[in-house]
Amino acid sequence: MLIDDDQLFNFLNRRIVEKLQVFERIEVFNNAKIALEQIKTQQFVPQHILLDLRMPVMNGFEFLDELEKLPQSLVGQTEVVILTSSLMEEDREQCLQYKRVVAFLPKPLDATKLTDCLK
């Protein structure tokens, strides 16, 4: 699952992820609230989420807060990779406090770094 309000980043990130051939299905959302609803209604339970932090409607931190509240039966072993333009150390530290966050990567997405953190 890719969640970013920037259509260009979603397009580019999808292409990179497709080339890696590590996911059987890729869903793209430009709104974190809609992505969360997909998980809640079990329309899509992702193994991995690439999440931007700075978005309107629902930001990445709000998404992570809501994801943490969901029962294990809905989220399974979902891991989150933060993919952001934020260079603030406070953001990185805050993100890594969430149990599902496995990496904090800068934009643009680097295929090698993504592969390394998913191992």
Foldseek 3Di string as FASTA:
>chain_A
DEEALDPVLQVVVVVLVVVVPPDPDDDYYPALVVVLVCLVVVVDADQEYAAEADHPPAGPVNSLVVVVPDDCVRHPNYAYEYEYQDPDPVVVVVQVVRPRYQYYHYPPDDSVVVVVSVD
